[in-house]
Amino acid sequence: MKNAALTTTILTALASTPSLAVTIYDEDGTTLKIGGRAEARFNISDENKSADTDSFKDKSRARVKLTGKTRISEGLYGFAKYETEFDGKSELTNRYYFAGLGTSFGEFSYGKQDSAQVLLTDITDIMATFGAEAADIVSGNKDKRENTFLYSEKFDDLTIQASYSAADEDNTKDTESYGIAALYHIGSVDIGAGYVSQSNGVNDDDQVNLVAQYSFDDITLGALYTVGSEADNDITGYEISAKYKPVKRLTLASVYNYQEEDPKAGTTVETIDEFAIEAVYKFNDNLRTYAGYKFQQIDNADDELQAGIRYDF
């Protein structure tokens, strides 16, 4: 069994977007880091049109993140994370806020954080602009879940996460859910599986995820297959992703997302059918620019263009 500190490093790399951070306090085994981003971006699509607006929509945002860690004793430490986002049009959005304990047999945390399934869905969630839609069936499968208890550990090449999200009478959007996910690394291949179940007092829903990833040289290929039920409707989906780095600072990516719903009474309906491409150019570790285009295959759905420039600090 690996040391829990290694678990933190690996799971963070798997489950979050890379960003820089500056240590602002480091003394007596306690560290505090601050980081974030400023991101100017826009979206162009007929989906944005209304009586008062045209196809152009500003989607700029800024984020600030604080992370802390404190050593308690040999093999025992505490950790916490807070991240907020501001888009210039509304109040601050608290994306993450959780705290926990790290031990020699895993990490335990509570707060607003990702469900265990994000360990798997991040395999195909690779783009700065589009994608990662077919995996959304039940809410317990998603990231940034409130009232969530999470356990995570790495056993050699096997990473395991388990989560439980409690229902909150003051937040009717969230349902009670629990899930487990495992990801196994074999050379250049990663394979994983997960299960999540949830209940809102009326319906009992669930979802199964299967993923695989293959990396060689500068190419990474990923695939996700998911099947679940929501309100007695059967839903099936899959995502396929590809990423290529022709040169050090340039990354090219593409994803295909498909999802269909089979209602209890009715005919099967395609709910997602889209293909997206993207290019990201990093000038250095702090500054990058990107552009992506989504090709919609669903009738009456419009294509989208999104581009931006991002500064990480």
C-alpha atoms as a PDB file:
ATOM      1  CA  MET A   1       0.000   0.000   0.000  1.00  0.00           C
ATOM      2  CA  LYS A   2       1.408   3.370  -0.979  1.00  0.00           C
ATOM      3  CA  ASN A   3       1.720   6.279   1.395  1.00  0.00           C
ATOM      4  CA  ALA A   4      -1.395   8.443   1.432  1.00  0.00           C
ATOM      5  CA  ALA A   5       0.605  11.489   0.380  1.00  0.00           C
ATOM      6  CA  LEU A   6       1.245   9.756  -2.938  1.00  0.00           C
ATOM      7  CA  THR A   7      -2.485   9.152  -3.252  1.00  0.00           C
ATOM      8  CA  THR A   8      -3.125  12.878  -3.035  1.00  0.00           C
ATOM      9  CA  THR A   9      -0.696  13.619  -5.840  1.00  0.00           C
ATOM     10  CA  ILE A  10      -2.032  10.969  -8.193  1.00  0.00           C
ATOM     11  CA  LEU A  11      -5.715  11.601  -7.609  1.00  0.00           C
ATOM     12  CA  THR A  12      -5.267  15.331  -8.021  1.00  0.00           C
ATOM     13  CA  ALA A  13      -3.561  14.729 -11.348  1.00  0.00           C
ATOM     14  CA  LEU A  14      -6.391  12.458 -12.470  1.00  0.00           C
ATOM     15  CA  ALA A  15      -9.343  14.469 -11.240  1.00  0.00           C
ATOM     16  CA  SER A  16      -8.616  18.149 -11.652  1.00  0.00           C
ATOM     17  CA  THR A  17      -7.551  20.660 -14.241  1.00  0.00           C
ATOM     18  CA  PRO A  18      -3.842  21.483 -13.995  1.00  0.00           C
ATOM     19  CA  SER A  19      -3.038  24.937 -12.623  1.00  0.00           C
ATOM     20  CA  LEU A  20      -0.157  26.727 -10.975  1.00  0.00           C
ATOM     21  CA  ALA A  21      -0.052  27.547  -7.273  1.00  0.00           C
ATOM     22  CA  VAL A  22       2.208  29.639  -5.062  1.00  0.00           C
ATOM     23  CA  THR A  23       3.096  28.626  -1.518  1.00  0.00           C
ATOM     24  CA  ILE A  24       2.268  31.576   0.727  1.00  0.00           C
ATOM     25  CA  TYR A  25       2.890  29.805   4.033  1.00  0.00           C
ATOM     26  CA  ASP A  26       5.182  26.894   4.904  1.00  0.00           C
ATOM     27  CA  GLU A  27       6.172  26.392   8.509  1.00  0.00           C
ATOM     28  CA  ASP A  28       6.142  23.592  11.119  1.00  0.00           C
ATOM     29  CA  GLY A  29       4.653  21.052   8.731  1.00  0.00           C
ATOM     30  CA  THR A  30       1.814  23.319   7.576  1.00  0.00           C
ATOM     31  CA  THR A  31       1.550  24.697   4.044  1.00  0.00           C
ATOM     32  CA  LEU A  32      -0.949  27.013   2.356  1.00  0.00           C
ATOM     33  CA  LYS A  33      -1.023  27.542  -1.410  1.00  0.00           C
ATOM     34  CA  ILE A  34      -2.983  29.963  -3.573  1.00  0.00           C
ATOM     35  CA  GLY A  35      -3.642  29.682  -7.280  1.00  0.00           C
ATOM     36  CA  GLY A  36      -6.265  30.329  -9.899  1.00  0.00           C
ATOM     37  CA  ARG A  37      -6.889  31.634 -13.371  1.00  0.00           C
ATOM     38  CA  ALA A  38      -8.216  34.559 -15.386  1.00  0.00           C
ATOM     39  CA  GLU A  39      -9.919  33.336 -18.541  1.00  0.00           C
ATOM     40  CA  ALA A  40     -11.306  35.566 -21.288  1.00  0.00           C
ATOM     41  CA  ARG A  41     -13.475  33.471 -23.631  1.00  0.00           C
ATOM     42  CA  PHE A  42     -16.490  33.680 -25.919  1.00  0.00           C
ATOM     43  CA  ASN A  43     -18.995  31.407 -27.635  1.00  0.00           C
ATOM     44  CA  ILE A  44     -20.613  31.881 -31.046  1.00  0.00           C
ATOM     45  CA  SER A  45     -23.746  29.884 -31.881  1.00  0.00           C
ATOM     46  CA  ASP A  46     -27.325  30.387 -32.992  1.00  0.00           C
ATOM     47  CA  GLU A  47     -28.207  28.765 -29.646  1.00  0.00           C
ATOM     48  CA  ASN A  48     -27.336  32.134 -28.058  1.00  0.00           C
ATOM     49  CA  LYS A  49     -29.809  34.110 -30.135  1.00  0.00           C
ATOM     50  CA  SER A  50     -32.923  35.647 -28.660  1.00  0.00           C
ATOM     51  CA  ALA A  51     -35.072  38.703 -29.292  1.00  0.00           C
ATOM     52  CA  ASP A  52     -32.472  40.843 -27.528  1.00  0.00           C
ATOM     53  CA  THR A  53     -29.172  39.087 -28.281  1.00  0.00           C
ATOM     54  CA  ASP A  54     -27.214  37.785 -31.249  1.00  0.00           C
ATOM     55  CA  SER A  55     -25.090  34.671 -31.680  1.00  0.00           C
ATOM     56  CA  PHE A  56     -22.107  36.051 -29.712  1.00  0.00           C
ATOM     57  CA  LYS A  57     -21.945  35.301 -25.966  1.00  0.00           C
ATOM     58  CA  ASP A  58     -19.203  36.251 -23.539  1.00  0.00           C
ATOM     59  CA  LYS A  59     -18.242  33.393 -21.195  1.00  0.00           C
ATOM     60  CA  SER A  60     -15.267  34.938 -19.410  1.00  0.00           C
ATOM     61  CA  ARG A  61     -14.524  33.900 -15.836  1.00  0.00           C
ATOM     62  CA  ALA A  62     -11.957  33.986 -13.063  1.00  0.00           C
ATOM     63  CA  ARG A  63     -11.141  31.450 -10.353  1.00  0.00           C
ATOM     64  CA  VAL A  64      -9.235  31.529  -7.075  1.00  0.00           C
ATOM     65  CA  LYS A  65      -8.167  28.366  -5.270  1.00  0.00           C
ATOM     66  CA  LEU A  66      -6.727  27.818  -1.796  1.00  0.00           C
ATOM     67  CA  THR A  67      -5.261  24.494  -0.697  1.00  0.00           C
ATOM     68  CA  GLY A  68      -3.810  23.637   2.670  1.00  0.00           C
ATOM     69  CA  LYS A  69      -2.066  20.690   4.290  1.00  0.00           C
ATOM     70  CA  THR A  70      -0.815  20.149   7.814  1.00  0.00           C
ATOM     71  CA  ARG A  71       1.221  17.284   9.242  1.00  0.00           C
ATOM     72  CA  ILE A  72      -0.198  15.881  12.477  1.00  0.00           C
ATOM     73  CA  SER A  73       2.046  12.884  13.042  1.00  0.00           C
ATOM     74  CA  GLU A  74       3.827  10.158  11.104  1.00  0.00           C
ATOM     75  CA  GLY A  75       1.314   8.856   8.543  1.00  0.00           C
ATOM     76  CA  LEU A  76      -1.412  11.328   9.541  1.00  0.00           C
ATOM     77  CA  TYR A  77      -2.143  14.751   8.036  1.00  0.00           C
ATOM     78  CA  GLY A  78      -5.013  17.122   7.403  1.00  0.00           C
ATOM     79  CA  PHE A  79      -5.898  18.827   4.134  1.00  0.00           C
ATOM     80  CA  ALA A  80      -8.468  21.244   2.725  1.00  0.00           C
ATOM     81  CA  LYS A  81      -9.429  22.957  -0.522  1.00  0.00           C
ATOM     82  CA  TYR A  82     -11.562  25.951  -1.438  1.00  0.00           C
ATOM     83  CA  GLU A  83     -12.209  27.164  -4.978  1.00  0.00           C
ATOM     84  CA  THR A  84     -14.522  29.925  -6.147  1.00  0.00           C
ATOM     85  CA  GLU A  85     -15.465  31.303  -9.570  1.00  0.00           C
ATOM     86  CA  PHE A  86     -16.681  34.693 -10.757  1.00  0.00           C
ATOM     87  CA  ASP A  87     -18.159  35.217 -14.231  1.00  0.00           C
ATOM     88  CA  GLY A  88     -18.965  38.932 -14.037  1.00  0.00           C
ATOM     89  CA  LYS A  89     -22.717  38.382 -14.286  1.00  0.00           C
ATOM     90  CA  SER A  90     -23.632  36.789 -10.963  1.00  0.00           C
ATOM     91  CA  GLU A  91     -22.427  36.258  -7.425  1.00  0.00           C
ATOM     92  CA  LEU A  92     -19.401  34.110  -6.651  1.00  0.00           C
ATOM     93  CA  THR A  93     -19.904  30.412  -7.265  1.00  0.00           C
ATOM     94  CA  ASN A  94     -18.281  28.149  -4.695  1.00  0.00           C
ATOM     95  CA  ARG A  95     -17.012  25.275  -6.835  1.00  0.00           C
ATOM     96  CA  TYR A  96     -15.241  23.279  -4.119  1.00  0.00           C
ATOM     97  CA  TYR A  97     -14.954  23.407  -0.350  1.00  0.00           C
ATOM     98  CA  PHE A  98     -13.904  20.331   1.569  1.00  0.00           C
ATOM     99  CA  ALA A  99     -11.520  19.155   4.284  1.00  0.00           C
ATOM    100  CA  GLY A 100     -10.267  15.786   5.424  1.00  0.00           C
ATOM    101  CA  LEU A 101      -7.671  13.525   6.942  1.00  0.00           C
ATOM    102  CA  GLY A 102      -4.957  11.553   5.182  1.00  0.00           C
ATOM    103  CA  THR A 103      -3.773   8.303   6.736  1.00  0.00           C
ATOM    104  CA  SER A 104      -1.544   5.389   5.818  1.00  0.00           C
ATOM    105  CA  PHE A 105      -4.638   3.557   4.549  1.00  0.00           C
ATOM    106  CA  GLY A 106      -6.272   6.302   2.500  1.00  0.00           C
ATOM    107  CA  GLU A 107      -7.827   9.742   2.547  1.00  0.00           C
ATOM    108  CA  PHE A 108     -11.200  10.664   4.045  1.00  0.00           C
ATOM    109  CA  SER A 109     -12.845  14.004   3.248  1.00  0.00           C
ATOM    110  CA  TYR A 110     -16.185  15.750   3.461  1.00  0.00           C
ATOM    111  CA  GLY A 111     -17.687  18.797   1.733  1.00  0.00           C
ATOM    112  CA  LYS A 112     -18.461  19.915  -1.788  1.00  0.00           C
ATOM    113  CA  GLN A 113     -16.246  17.766  -3.978  1.00  0.00           C
ATOM    114  CA  ASP A 114     -16.262  15.363  -6.916  1.00  0.00           C
ATOM    115  CA  SER A 115     -18.078  12.052  -6.765  1.00  0.00           C
ATOM    116  CA  ALA A 116     -16.011   8.887  -7.038  1.00  0.00           C
ATOM    117  CA  GLN A 117     -17.061   8.485 -10.685  1.00  0.00           C
ATOM    118  CA  VAL A 118     -15.030  11.525 -11.787  1.00  0.00           C
ATOM    119  CA  LEU A 119     -11.971   9.284 -11.474  1.00  0.00           C
ATOM    120  CA  LEU A 120     -13.389   7.553 -14.574  1.00  0.00           C
ATOM    121  CA  THR A 121     -15.188  10.300 -16.488  1.00  0.00           C
ATOM    122  CA  ASP A 122     -12.010  12.398 -16.593  1.00  0.00           C
ATOM    123  CA  ILE A 123     -10.619   9.828 -19.048  1.00  0.00           C
ATOM    124  CA  THR A 124     -12.674  11.395 -21.860  1.00  0.00           C
ATOM    125  CA  ASP A 125     -13.207  14.866 -20.326  1.00  0.00           C
ATOM    126  CA  ILE A 126     -10.092  16.275 -21.999  1.00  0.00           C
ATOM    127  CA  MET A 127     -11.168  19.490 -23.730  1.00  0.00           C
ATOM    128  CA  ALA A 128     -11.190  23.107 -22.551  1.00  0.00           C
ATOM    129  CA  THR A 129     -14.266  23.866 -24.649  1.00  0.00           C
ATOM    130  CA  PHE A 130     -16.686  20.995 -25.277  1.00  0.00           C
ATOM    131  CA  GLY A 131     -17.373  17.327 -24.587  1.00  0.00           C
ATOM    132  CA  ALA A 132     -18.025  15.258 -21.459  1.00  0.00           C
ATOM    133  CA  GLU A 133     -21.804  15.251 -21.861  1.00  0.00           C
ATOM    134  CA  ALA A 134     -22.787  11.642 -22.541  1.00  0.00           C
ATOM    135  CA  ALA A 135     -21.678  10.536 -19.054  1.00  0.00           C
ATOM    136  CA  ASP A 136     -24.311  12.732 -17.403  1.00  0.00           C
ATOM    137  CA  ILE A 137     -27.188  10.409 -16.514  1.00  0.00           C
ATOM    138  CA  VAL A 138     -27.724  10.526 -12.743  1.00  0.00           C
ATOM    139  CA  SER A 139     -26.606  13.504 -10.645  1.00  0.00           C
ATOM    140  CA  GLY A 140     -24.609  11.234  -8.335  1.00  0.00           C
ATOM    141  CA  ASN A 141     -22.207  10.619 -11.236  1.00  0.00           C
ATOM    142  CA  LYS A 142     -21.115  14.256 -11.533  1.00  0.00           C
ATOM    143  CA  ASP A 143     -18.437  16.543 -10.134  1.00  0.00           C
ATOM    144  CA  LYS A 144     -18.855  19.260  -7.474  1.00  0.00           C
ATOM    145  CA  ARG A 145     -21.395  17.375  -5.367  1.00  0.00           C
ATOM    146  CA  GLU A 146     -22.479  18.934  -2.073  1.00  0.00           C
ATOM    147  CA  ASN A 147     -22.686  17.019   1.235  1.00  0.00           C
ATOM    148  CA  THR A 148     -20.223  14.441  -0.087  1.00  0.00           C
ATOM    149  CA  PHE A 149     -18.056  11.999   1.863  1.00  0.00           C
ATOM    150  CA  LEU A 150     -15.131  10.653  -0.194  1.00  0.00           C
ATOM    151  CA  TYR A 151     -12.606   7.895   0.436  1.00  0.00           C
ATOM    152  CA  SER A 152      -9.635   7.441  -1.882  1.00  0.00           C
ATOM    153  CA  GLU A 153      -6.561   5.226  -1.911  1.00  0.00           C
ATOM    154  CA  LYS A 154      -3.975   3.787  -4.283  1.00  0.00           C
ATOM    155  CA  PHE A 155      -2.828   0.188  -4.020  1.00  0.00           C
ATOM    156  CA  ASP A 156       0.204  -0.083  -6.294  1.00  0.00           C
ATOM    157  CA  ASP A 157      -1.355   0.293  -9.786  1.00  0.00           C
ATOM    158  CA  LEU A 158      -4.964   0.230  -8.576  1.00  0.00           C
ATOM    159  CA  THR A 159      -6.748   3.447  -7.550  1.00  0.00           C
ATOM    160  CA  ILE A 160     -10.058   3.191  -5.690  1.00  0.00           C
ATOM    161  CA  GLN A 161     -12.559   5.863  -4.729  1.00  0.00           C
ATOM    162  CA  ALA A 162     -15.876   5.568  -2.897  1.00  0.00           C
ATOM    163  CA  SER A 163     -18.314   8.393  -2.217  1.00  0.00           C
ATOM    164  CA  TYR A 164     -21.593   9.047  -0.448  1.00  0.00           C
ATOM    165  CA  SER A 165     -23.644  12.217  -0.974  1.00  0.00           C
ATOM    166  CA  ALA A 166     -26.311  12.943   1.624  1.00  0.00           C
ATOM    167  CA  ALA A 167     -29.636  14.495   0.683  1.00  0.00           C
ATOM    168  CA  ASP A 168     -30.150  18.002   2.063  1.00  0.00           C
ATOM    169  CA  GLU A 169     -33.656  19.278   2.745  1.00  0.00           C
ATOM    170  CA  ASP A 170     -32.444  22.787   1.943  1.00  0.00           C
ATOM    171  CA  ASN A 171     -31.122  21.714  -1.474  1.00  0.00           C
ATOM    172  CA  THR A 172     -33.778  19.827  -3.431  1.00  0.00           C
ATOM    173  CA  LYS A 173     -31.516  19.507  -6.495  1.00  0.00           C
ATOM    174  CA  ASP A 174     -29.361  16.908  -4.767  1.00  0.00           C
ATOM    175  CA  THR A 175     -30.451  13.362  -4.088  1.00  0.00           C
ATOM    176  CA  GLU A 176     -28.931  10.791  -1.792  1.00  0.00           C
ATOM    177  CA  SER A 177     -26.357   8.750  -3.681  1.00  0.00           C
ATOM    178  CA  TYR A 178     -23.437   6.409  -3.205  1.00  0.00           C
ATOM    179  CA  GLY A 179     -20.878   4.994  -5.604  1.00  0.00           C
ATOM    180  CA  ILE A 180     -17.555   3.259  -6.053  1.00  0.00           C
ATOM    181  CA  ALA A 181     -14.975   3.484  -8.850  1.00  0.00           C
ATOM    182  CA  ALA A 182     -11.714   1.713  -9.607  1.00  0.00           C
ATOM    183  CA  LEU A 183      -9.000   2.493 -12.160  1.00  0.00           C
ATOM    184  CA  TYR A 184      -6.170   0.064 -12.924  1.00  0.00           C
ATOM    185  CA  HIS A 185      -2.951   1.033 -14.715  1.00  0.00           C
ATOM    186  CA  ILE A 186      -1.113  -1.574 -16.822  1.00  0.00           C
ATOM    187  CA  GLY A 187       1.845  -0.172 -18.737  1.00  0.00           C
ATOM    188  CA  SER A 188       0.383   2.222 -21.313  1.00  0.00           C
ATOM    189  CA  VAL A 189      -3.215   1.127 -20.648  1.00  0.00           C
ATOM    190  CA  ASP A 190      -5.733   2.228 -18.012  1.00  0.00           C
ATOM    191  CA  ILE A 191      -9.017   0.390 -17.487  1.00  0.00           C
ATOM    192  CA  GLY A 192     -11.722   1.221 -14.988  1.00  0.00           C
ATOM    193  CA  ALA A 193     -15.253   0.554 -13.837  1.00  0.00           C
ATOM    194  CA  GLY A 194     -17.703   2.240 -11.507  1.00  0.00           C
ATOM    195  CA  TYR A 195     -21.220   2.075 -10.133  1.00  0.00           C
ATOM    196  CA  VAL A 196     -23.432   4.760  -8.595  1.00  0.00           C
ATOM    197  CA  SER A 197     -26.935   4.483  -7.119  1.00  0.00           C
ATOM    198  CA  GLN A 198     -29.212   7.267  -5.953  1.00  0.00           C
ATOM    199  CA  SER A 199     -32.684   7.915  -4.584  1.00  0.00           C
ATOM    200  CA  ASN A 200     -34.789  11.068  -4.356  1.00  0.00           C
ATOM    201  CA  GLY A 201     -37.631   9.478  -2.402  1.00  0.00           C
ATOM    202  CA  VAL A 202     -39.625   8.824  -5.569  1.00  0.00           C
ATOM    203  CA  ASN A 203     -37.263   7.054  -7.974  1.00  0.00           C
ATOM    204  CA  ASP A 204     -34.313   4.738  -7.415  1.00  0.00           C
ATOM    205  CA  ASP A 205     -31.804   5.344 -10.207  1.00  0.00           C
ATOM    206  CA  ASP A 206     -28.389   3.913 -10.993  1.00  0.00           C
ATOM    207  CA  GLN A 207     -25.535   4.074 -13.497  1.00  0.00           C
ATOM    208  CA  VAL A 208     -22.591   1.892 -14.548  1.00  0.00           C
ATOM    209  CA  ASN A 209     -19.417   3.319 -16.133  1.00  0.00           C
ATOM    210  CA  LEU A 210     -16.698   1.458 -18.036  1.00  0.00           C
ATOM    211  CA  VAL A 211     -13.577   3.259 -19.292  1.00  0.00           C
ATOM    212  CA  ALA A 212     -10.315   2.528 -21.082  1.00  0.00           C
ATOM    213  CA  GLN A 213      -7.331   4.652 -22.062  1.00  0.00           C
ATOM    214  CA  TYR A 214      -4.281   3.940 -24.191  1.00  0.00           C
ATOM    215  CA  SER A 215      -1.234   6.222 -24.361  1.00  0.00           C
ATOM    216  CA  PHE A 216       1.760   5.945 -26.662  1.00  0.00           C
ATOM    217  CA  ASP A 217       4.313   8.600 -27.564  1.00  0.00           C
ATOM    218  CA  ASP A 218       2.362  11.850 -28.030  1.00  0.00           C
ATOM    219  CA  ILE A 219      -1.067  10.281 -28.586  1.00  0.00           C
ATOM    220  CA  THR A 220      -3.698   9.415 -25.972  1.00  0.00           C
ATOM    221  CA  LEU A 221      -6.937   7.603 -26.799  1.00  0.00           C
ATOM    222  CA  GLY A 222      -9.842   7.253 -24.378  1.00  0.00           C
ATOM    223  CA  ALA A 223     -13.280   5.653 -24.315  1.00  0.00           C
ATOM    224  CA  LEU A 224     -16.205   5.625 -21.912  1.00  0.00           C
ATOM    225  CA  TYR A 225     -19.338   3.486 -22.060  1.00  0.00           C
ATOM    226  CA  THR A 226     -22.189   4.133 -19.659  1.00  0.00           C
ATOM    227  CA  VAL A 227     -25.634   2.711 -19.053  1.00  0.00           C
ATOM    228  CA  GLY A 228     -28.160   3.778 -16.452  1.00  0.00           C
ATOM    229  CA  SER A 229     -31.735   4.528 -15.561  1.00  0.00           C
ATOM    230  CA  GLU A 230     -33.424   7.727 -14.457  1.00  0.00           C
ATOM    231  CA  ALA A 231     -37.126   7.999 -13.589  1.00  0.00           C
ATOM    232  CA  ASP A 232     -37.667   4.536 -15.121  1.00  0.00           C
ATOM    233  CA  ASN A 233     -36.094   5.627 -18.427  1.00  0.00           C
ATOM    234  CA  ASP A 234     -33.146   3.558 -19.709  1.00  0.00           C
ATOM    235  CA  ILE A 235     -30.227   5.659 -20.941  1.00  0.00           C
ATOM    236  CA  THR A 236     -27.114   4.543 -22.820  1.00  0.00           C
ATOM    237  CA  GLY A 237     -24.142   6.652 -23.841  1.00  0.00           C
ATOM    238  CA  TYR A 238     -20.527   6.615 -24.889  1.00  0.00           C
ATOM    239  CA  GLU A 239     -17.664   9.053 -25.318  1.00  0.00           C
ATOM    240  CA  ILE A 240     -14.545   8.622 -27.457  1.00  0.00           C
ATOM    241  CA  SER A 241     -11.579  10.983 -27.144  1.00  0.00           C
ATOM    242  CA  ALA A 242      -8.217  11.493 -28.829  1.00  0.00           C
ATOM    243  CA  LYS A 243      -5.379  13.852 -27.949  1.00  0.00           C
ATOM    244  CA  TYR A 244      -2.209  14.506 -29.933  1.00  0.00           C
ATOM    245  CA  LYS A 245       0.826  16.724 -29.235  1.00  0.00           C
ATOM    246  CA  PRO A 246       2.606  17.297 -32.567  1.00  0.00           C
ATOM    247  CA  VAL A 247       4.984  19.755 -30.869  1.00  0.00           C
ATOM    248  CA  LYS A 248       5.737  20.534 -27.242  1.00  0.00           C
ATOM    249  CA  ARG A 249       3.396  23.504 -26.806  1.00  0.00           C
ATOM    250  CA  LEU A 250       0.529  22.502 -29.116  1.00  0.00           C
ATOM    251  CA  THR A 251      -2.211  20.008 -28.223  1.00  0.00           C
ATOM    252  CA  LEU A 252      -4.881  18.858 -30.665  1.00  0.00           C
ATOM    253  CA  ALA A 253      -7.947  17.074 -29.307  1.00  0.00           C
ATOM    254  CA  SER A 254     -11.221  15.625 -30.517  1.00  0.00           C
ATOM    255  CA  VAL A 255     -14.181  13.972 -28.814  1.00  0.00           C
ATOM    256  CA  TYR A 256     -17.360  12.235 -29.907  1.00  0.00           C
ATOM    257  CA  ASN A 257     -20.339  12.067 -27.515  1.00  0.00           C
ATOM    258  CA  TYR A 258     -23.485  10.019 -28.037  1.00  0.00           C
ATOM    259  CA  GLN A 259     -26.410   9.333 -25.729  1.00  0.00           C
ATOM    260  CA  GLU A 260     -29.868   7.882 -26.277  1.00  0.00           C
ATOM    261  CA  GLU A 261     -32.875   7.545 -24.011  1.00  0.00           C
ATOM    262  CA  ASP A 262     -35.351   4.685 -24.088  1.00  0.00           C
ATOM    263  CA  PRO A 263     -38.470   5.894 -22.266  1.00  0.00           C
ATOM    264  CA  LYS A 264     -40.625   3.478 -20.349  1.00  0.00           C
ATOM    265  CA  ALA A 265     -43.459   4.364 -22.690  1.00  0.00           C
ATOM    266  CA  GLY A 266     -42.356   5.574 -26.107  1.00  0.00           C
ATOM    267  CA  THR A 267     -39.652   5.219 -28.744  1.00  0.00           C
ATOM    268  CA  THR A 268     -35.891   5.601 -28.347  1.00  0.00           C
ATOM    269  CA  VAL A 269     -34.679   9.209 -28.674  1.00  0.00           C
ATOM    270  CA  GLU A 270     -31.158  10.456 -29.421  1.00  0.00           C
ATOM    271  CA  THR A 271     -30.430  13.090 -26.765  1.00  0.00           C
ATOM    272  CA  ILE A 272     -26.744  13.737 -27.577  1.00  0.00           C
ATOM    273  CA  ASP A 273     -24.915  13.261 -30.870  1.00  0.00           C
ATOM    274  CA  GLU A 274     -21.970  15.597 -31.366  1.00  0.00           C
ATOM    275  CA  PHE A 275     -18.362  15.750 -32.511  1.00  0.00           C
ATOM    276  CA  ALA A 276     -15.906  18.405 -31.359  1.00  0.00           C
ATOM    277  CA  ILE A 277     -12.347  19.409 -32.252  1.00  0.00           C
ATOM    278  CA  GLU A 278      -9.986  21.713 -30.369  1.00  0.00           C
ATOM    279  CA  ALA A 279      -6.498  23.205 -30.468  1.00  0.00           C
ATOM    280  CA  VAL A 280      -4.639  24.483 -27.393  1.00  0.00           C
ATOM    281  CA  TYR A 281      -1.358  26.392 -27.592  1.00  0.00           C
ATOM    282  CA  LYS A 282       0.661  27.009 -24.415  1.00  0.00           C
ATOM    283  CA  PHE A 283       3.048  29.942 -24.648  1.00  0.00           C
ATOM    284  CA  ASN A 284       4.501  28.931 -21.278  1.00  0.00           C
ATOM    285  CA  ASP A 285       3.286  27.419 -18.000  1.00  0.00           C
ATOM    286  CA  ASN A 286       1.169  30.496 -17.279  1.00  0.00           C
ATOM    287  CA  LEU A 287      -0.439  31.480 -20.573  1.00  0.00           C
ATOM    288  CA  ARG A 288      -2.407  29.476 -23.128  1.00  0.00           C
ATOM    289  CA  THR A 289      -4.918  30.133 -25.868  1.00  0.00           C
ATOM    290  CA  TYR A 290      -7.443  27.735 -27.356  1.00  0.00           C
ATOM    291  CA  ALA A 291     -10.263  27.341 -29.871  1.00  0.00           C
ATOM    292  CA  GLY A 292     -12.821  24.586 -30.315  1.00  0.00           C
ATOM    293  CA  TYR A 293     -15.708  23.783 -32.664  1.00  0.00           C
ATOM    294  CA  LYS A 294     -18.678  21.520 -31.954  1.00  0.00           C
ATOM    295  CA  PHE A 295     -20.507  19.818 -34.828  1.00  0.00           C
ATOM    296  CA  GLN A 296     -24.066  18.992 -33.780  1.00  0.00           C
ATOM    297  CA  GLN A 297     -25.709  15.918 -35.303  1.00  0.00           C
ATOM    298  CA  ILE A 298     -29.084  16.387 -33.579  1.00  0.00           C
ATOM    299  CA  ASP A 299     -31.841  18.050 -35.632  1.00  0.00           C
ATOM    300  CA  ASN A 300     -32.607  21.644 -34.582  1.00  0.00           C
ATOM    301  CA  ALA A 301     -29.357  21.855 -32.572  1.00  0.00           C
ATOM    302  CA  ASP A 302     -26.741  24.361 -33.698  1.00  0.00           C
ATOM    303  CA  ASP A 303     -22.983  24.121 -34.075  1.00  0.00           C
ATOM    304  CA  GLU A 304     -20.809  26.137 -31.681  1.00  0.00           C
ATOM    305  CA  LEU A 305     -17.471  27.913 -31.825  1.00  0.00           C
ATOM    306  CA  GLN A 306     -15.670  28.728 -28.582  1.00  0.00           C
ATOM    307  CA  ALA A 307     -12.288  30.364 -28.071  1.00  0.00           C
ATOM    308  CA  GLY A 308     -10.348  32.009 -25.291  1.00  0.00           C
ATOM    309  CA  ILE A 309      -7.091  32.948 -23.648  1.00  0.00           C
ATOM    310  CA  ARG A 310      -6.238  31.775 -20.123  1.00  0.00           C
ATOM    311  CA  TYR A 311      -3.671  32.958 -17.586  1.00  0.00           C
ATOM    312  CA  ASP A 312      -2.890  30.630 -14.668  1.00  0.00           C
ATOM    313  CA  PHE A 313      -1.341  31.952 -11.497  1.00  0.00           C
END
